[in-house]
Amino acid sequence: MAPRPPSPERTGATRARLMAAGVAAFGAKGFHATSTRDIAAAAGMSPAALYIHHRTKEELLHAISSHGHALIADLVTAAVQGPGTHAERLGRLVHNFVRHHAEAGDAARVVNFELRALSPEHHREIVAVRRRIEADVTALVEAGAEAGEFDVADARLCATALLSLGIDVSRWFTPGRAWDAEQVAEQYAGFALRIVGHRGA
């Protein structure tokens, strides 16, 4: 009698475990210094089991990066297309973006700072997602300026600055320091409105 294939739920749980192990290993050593044995050990499985799901550690990094960027793209889309004034939507976008980078700092650092380790094909794919995210934020800033809510000389530069500030939170934020994730997110939302010259700021 042939063995049953693993259920989708079990396969999904295993992949999630491998992605968490990859984040931990890449975060601790960096991509190039991490071995497949390091990842397998962090996941509590054998290297052979790792290869069932990811043929190379770069393939695992790509899965982590794709997942992380998809989360951010959804977050940005929800804020941009959500209710409220341009200022309210931008404040919500930056708040949620910053809170994510504070609360998921390990994954955010891997996703943002190991891009060069991706294969050329995977790198192009992820860069395209990042450009769409930047374009969505730029469009929101431009719309706010056209509506008279913002006063900006260069909407794209403002969008780049806002995204860079949010990403950098993953570098320095540590739970238990002077501020919690929500406090940082609220403050950064206020900073964002000042950067775009919000008329009510």
Protein backbone atom coordinates (compact mmCIF):
# COMPACT_ATOMS: atom_id res chain seq x y z
CA MET A 1 0.00 0.00 0.00
CA ALA A 2 1.46 3.36 -1.06
CA PRO A 3 2.11 5.86 1.74
CA ARG A 4 -0.23 8.81 1.94
CA PRO A 5 1.19 12.13 0.75
CA PRO A 6 1.46 14.78 3.46
CA SER A 7 -1.67 16.89 3.88
CA PRO A 8 -1.66 20.52 2.64
CA GLU A 9 -1.96 21.63 6.27
CA ARG A 10 1.10 19.64 7.28
CA THR A 11 3.07 20.83 4.26
CA GLY A 12 2.12 24.44 4.98
CA ALA A 13 3.12 24.10 8.63
CA THR A 14 6.49 22.62 7.64
CA ARG A 15 7.18 25.42 5.18
CA ALA A 16 6.24 28.02 7.78
CA ARG A 17 8.64 26.34 10.22
CA LEU A 18 11.41 26.40 7.62
CA MET A 19 10.79 30.06 6.86
CA ALA A 20 10.96 30.91 10.57
CA ALA A 21 14.18 28.90 10.83
CA GLY A 22 15.59 30.68 7.78
CA VAL A 23 14.78 34.08 9.28
CA ALA A 24 16.49 33.09 12.54
CA ALA A 25 19.57 31.66 10.82
CA PHE A 26 19.99 34.41 8.21
CA GLY A 27 19.35 37.03 10.87
CA ALA A 28 22.00 35.61 13.17
CA LYS A 29 24.78 34.91 10.65
CA GLY A 30 23.83 36.58 7.41
CA PHE A 31 22.91 34.68 4.25
CA HIS A 32 26.39 33.79 3.05
CA ALA A 33 27.64 32.54 6.43
CA THR A 34 24.55 30.39 6.97
CA SER A 35 24.62 26.75 5.91
CA THR A 36 21.69 24.50 5.09
CA ARG A 37 22.63 22.55 8.21
CA ASP A 38 22.16 25.70 10.29
CA ILE A 39 18.67 26.15 8.85
CA ALA A 40 17.73 22.50 9.30
CA ALA A 41 18.97 22.56 12.91
CA ALA A 42 16.95 25.70 13.64
CA ALA A 43 13.88 24.00 12.18
CA GLY A 44 14.51 20.80 14.13
CA MET A 45 14.77 18.61 11.06
CA SER A 46 17.40 16.93 8.91
CA PRO A 47 19.09 18.66 5.94
CA ALA A 48 17.45 16.05 3.71
CA ALA A 49 14.02 17.20 4.88
CA LEU A 50 14.94 20.78 4.03
CA TYR A 51 15.70 19.83 0.42
CA ILE A 52 12.21 18.41 0.00
CA HIS A 53 10.82 21.93 0.21
CA HIS A 54 13.73 24.13 -0.93
CA ARG A 55 16.49 22.93 -3.21
CA THR A 56 18.86 25.69 -2.10
CA LYS A 57 19.11 28.20 0.71
CA GLU A 58 18.66 30.95 -1.90
CA GLU A 59 15.30 29.42 -2.77
CA LEU A 60 14.33 29.65 0.90
CA LEU A 61 15.50 33.27 1.05
CA HIS A 62 13.35 34.00 -1.98
CA ALA A 63 10.31 32.45 -0.28
CA ILE A 64 10.93 34.56 2.83
CA SER A 65 11.43 37.71 0.77
CA SER A 66 8.35 37.08 -1.40
CA HIS A 67 6.19 36.51 1.65
CA GLY A 68 7.51 39.60 3.45
CA HIS A 69 7.07 41.89 0.47
CA ALA A 70 3.57 40.56 -0.20
CA LEU A 71 2.59 41.47 3.37
CA ILE A 72 3.91 45.00 2.91
CA ALA A 73 2.27 45.41 -0.51
CA ASP A 74 -1.09 44.41 1.00
CA LEU A 75 -0.56 46.76 3.94
CA VAL A 76 0.20 49.69 1.62
CA THR A 77 -2.71 48.92 -0.72
CA ALA A 78 -5.16 48.71 2.20
CA ALA A 79 -4.04 52.12 3.49
CA VAL A 80 -3.93 53.85 0.10
CA GLN A 81 -7.37 52.58 -0.91
CA GLY A 82 -8.89 52.97 2.55
CA PRO A 83 -11.26 55.66 3.80
CA GLY A 84 -10.38 59.14 5.00
CA THR A 85 -8.45 62.15 3.82
CA HIS A 86 -5.05 61.83 2.17
CA ALA A 87 -3.45 62.78 5.47
CA GLU A 88 -5.42 60.15 7.37
CA ARG A 89 -4.51 57.46 4.84
CA LEU A 90 -0.84 58.42 4.84
CA GLY A 91 -0.77 58.47 8.63
CA ARG A 92 -2.39 55.02 8.74
CA LEU A 93 0.02 53.69 6.12
CA VAL A 94 3.12 54.88 7.96
CA HIS A 95 1.74 53.76 11.33
CA ASN A 96 1.09 50.22 10.10
CA PHE A 97 4.33 50.08 8.10
CA VAL A 98 6.43 51.14 11.07
CA ARG A 99 4.62 48.89 13.53
CA HIS A 100 5.21 45.92 11.24
CA HIS A 101 8.93 46.67 11.05
CA ALA A 102 9.12 47.02 14.83
CA GLU A 103 7.20 43.84 15.63
CA ALA A 104 8.67 41.66 12.86
CA GLY A 105 12.18 43.10 13.03
CA ASP A 106 14.09 39.85 12.45
CA ALA A 107 12.14 39.02 9.30
CA ALA A 108 12.19 42.65 8.13
CA ARG A 109 15.98 42.81 8.36
CA VAL A 110 16.37 39.63 6.31
CA VAL A 111 13.80 40.76 3.75
CA ASN A 112 15.32 44.20 3.29
CA PHE A 113 19.04 43.70 3.82
CA GLU A 114 19.74 40.35 2.14
CA LEU A 115 18.38 41.34 -1.27
CA ARG A 116 21.75 41.07 -2.97
CA ALA A 117 21.96 37.40 -2.07
CA LEU A 118 18.99 36.61 -4.33
CA SER A 119 19.54 35.22 -7.80
CA PRO A 120 19.26 37.80 -10.61
CA GLU A 121 15.80 36.51 -11.57
CA HIS A 122 14.51 36.57 -7.99
CA HIS A 123 16.13 39.93 -7.35
CA ARG A 124 14.32 41.46 -10.34
CA GLU A 125 11.03 40.01 -9.11
CA ILE A 126 11.39 41.48 -5.61
CA VAL A 127 12.65 44.85 -6.88
CA ALA A 128 9.54 45.07 -9.07
CA VAL A 129 7.35 44.63 -5.98
CA ARG A 130 9.34 47.27 -4.11
CA ARG A 131 8.90 49.70 -6.99
CA ARG A 132 5.14 49.12 -6.99
CA ILE A 133 5.05 49.84 -3.27
CA GLU A 134 7.06 53.02 -3.76
CA ALA A 135 4.80 54.04 -6.65
CA ASP A 136 1.67 53.58 -4.52
CA VAL A 137 3.08 55.72 -1.71
CA THR A 138 4.26 58.35 -4.20
CA ALA A 139 0.81 58.47 -5.79
CA LEU A 140 -0.79 59.04 -2.38
CA VAL A 141 1.60 61.90 -1.62
CA GLU A 142 0.99 63.43 -5.06
CA ALA A 143 -2.77 63.18 -4.63
CA GLY A 144 -2.52 64.84 -1.23
CA ALA A 145 -0.47 67.67 -2.74
CA GLU A 146 -2.97 68.15 -5.57
CA ALA A 147 -5.80 68.28 -3.01
CA GLY A 148 -3.96 70.98 -1.09
CA GLU A 149 -3.37 68.81 1.98
CA PHE A 150 0.38 68.44 1.48
CA ASP A 151 3.14 70.83 0.45
CA VAL A 152 5.94 68.87 -1.23
CA ALA A 153 8.53 69.70 -3.87
CA ASP A 154 9.22 66.05 -4.80
CA ALA A 155 6.59 63.43 -3.98
CA ARG A 156 8.79 60.50 -4.96
CA LEU A 157 11.63 61.66 -2.72
CA CYS A 158 9.16 62.07 0.16
CA ALA A 159 7.84 58.55 -0.41
CA THR A 160 11.38 57.16 -0.49
CA ALA A 161 12.23 58.95 2.75
CA LEU A 162 9.09 57.67 4.50
CA LEU A 163 9.71 54.07 3.46
CA SER A 164 13.39 54.27 4.41
CA LEU A 165 12.55 55.62 7.87
CA GLY A 166 10.10 52.79 8.44
CA ILE A 167 12.48 50.09 7.26
CA ASP A 168 15.25 51.43 9.48
CA VAL A 169 13.09 50.83 12.55
CA SER A 170 13.83 47.12 12.11
CA ARG A 171 17.54 47.89 12.67
CA TRP A 172 17.28 49.57 16.05
CA PHE A 173 13.96 48.71 17.66
CA THR A 174 14.19 46.36 20.61
CA PRO A 175 11.15 45.41 22.71
CA GLY A 176 11.44 46.67 26.26
CA ARG A 177 13.37 49.82 25.45
CA ALA A 178 12.05 53.33 26.06
CA TRP A 179 9.13 52.90 23.64
CA ASP A 180 6.86 50.08 22.59
CA ALA A 181 5.95 49.35 18.95
CA GLU A 182 2.68 51.29 19.10
CA GLN A 183 4.35 54.41 20.50
CA VAL A 184 6.97 54.36 17.76
CA ALA A 185 4.32 53.82 15.08
CA GLU A 186 2.23 56.74 16.35
CA GLN A 187 5.23 59.08 16.50
CA TYR A 188 6.38 58.12 13.00
CA ALA A 189 2.90 58.74 11.61
CA GLY A 190 3.23 62.28 12.97
CA PHE A 191 6.72 62.63 11.51
CA ALA A 192 5.36 61.56 8.12
CA LEU A 193 2.78 64.34 8.04
CA ARG A 194 5.50 66.88 8.81
CA ILE A 195 7.71 65.50 6.04
CA VAL A 196 4.95 65.96 3.48
CA GLY A 197 4.12 69.43 4.79
CA HIS A 198 0.64 68.57 5.99
CA ARG A 199 -1.33 71.79 6.19
CA GLY A 200 -2.79 70.80 9.55
CA ALA A 201 0.51 69.67 11.08
